[in-house]
Amino acid sequence: MDFNNKKLTRTTSFIHYVISFLLAVFLIGMANRIIWDIDEVDKRPYVTDFDVKTDIKKYRVLKQSIQDTIREKYEVQEGIQLSMDLAQNALDEQQASFKTWISTRTATQSSKVNAEIQQRNYILDSLRKSLKKLTSEKILLQATIDDFSVQKQKYNDAINEEKSKARDLYIKAERAYDLHIFISRLLFVIPILLLGIWMLLKKRKHSYWPLFRGFVFFAFYGFFIGLVPYLPSYGGYVRYAIGILLSVVLGIYAIKHLKAFVKRKKEELQLSSTERAKKIKNEVAEKALENHMCPSCGKDYLINEIFQSGKRKHRSGTLKVTPYCRHCGLQLFKNCNTCDTKNYAHLPHCYSCGDNILKTD
């Protein structure tokens, strides 16, 4: 399959971008491997690493001792409650038995009956005293448990305070670690970034620009992905300050070069048409012809014969191609010296006979 010039240009551009992309991918993979090795030199701190620098362990031991004591007290309390339940059941049974027994007999002054009543009352009183004693023990035990619970809460508060101290130590250590990682990455990335910027500014016209461009992709990836996320935050002040600084630097650079470009274009327009025509490159001429623009000033060379304005091409009227740019005076079309066919004046060969139309007469 034959390629025309446009297809060949697009294919070449695509292949160049593939080369740049592949080189950038492998450079990024290698850089990530190096950065990971740099990061693993120092161990990242964790909160638990700083427990040993506080009294957390001591208070945890004391708290565990209190918890064990409270658990034992609760077990004793459960035993007392069980004894109280048994005593209450026995008391209820004795009271019911006494009530049944007394209802079947007529009250007499018989010494035998009185002795039985006294005996039963003695048993009931004993059960009541036992139940009362168990209740008192339970109350005292609960008071002891409450005292231990208060002590346990104090230890909890002390543990939380020590955890806060450990957290503060961890935050300081983490900031120091992040700063160390950032500085390590900075020392690795900045030379690459500066080299990438230099290539971007100085090597764009080089025949091996696709390789340089791949390195530029890698350099910007290393800066924005490998370095920027590790900028120390300090509440966001550092990152915003870096953003402001970069915006100012890039803004000054862009404004400066835009002014220089505008000034250069104005100076070019002051040259004669012949001198400007010599400086027009083929690719610029092809693009200008495709977009019906003047290759020198960039203005549209089509005019509407009725309204005399290229901006009203949607209005009725016939579009006309002007042989000269009405804005800067550059010759746009001229006749071939061999066949007298009108051609675009800034492409090298006549489309009719193939003769070189840029050669001097």
Foldseek 3Di string as FASTA:
>chain_A
DDDDPVRVVVVVVVVLLVLLQVLLVVLLVVVVVVLVVVLVVDDQDDLVVLLVVFCLVVLVVVLVVLVVVLVVLVVVLVVLVVVLVVLVVVLVVLVVVVVVVVVVDDDDPDPVVVVVVVVSVVVNVVSVVSNVVSVVVSVVSVVVSVVSVVVSVVSVVVNVVRSVVSVVVSVVSNLVSLVSSLVVLCVVLVVLQVQLVCCVVPVCPPPSNSNSSSSNSNSVCSPPPVHLVSQDQPPPPRSVVVVVVVCVVVVVVVVVVVVVVVVVLVVLLPDDLVVNLVPQDPVLLVVCVVVCADSRPGHHQWAFPVPRDPVVPVDDGDIDGDQARPPRGHGQWFAAPPPGHIDGQNHQADPPPGHGRVDDD
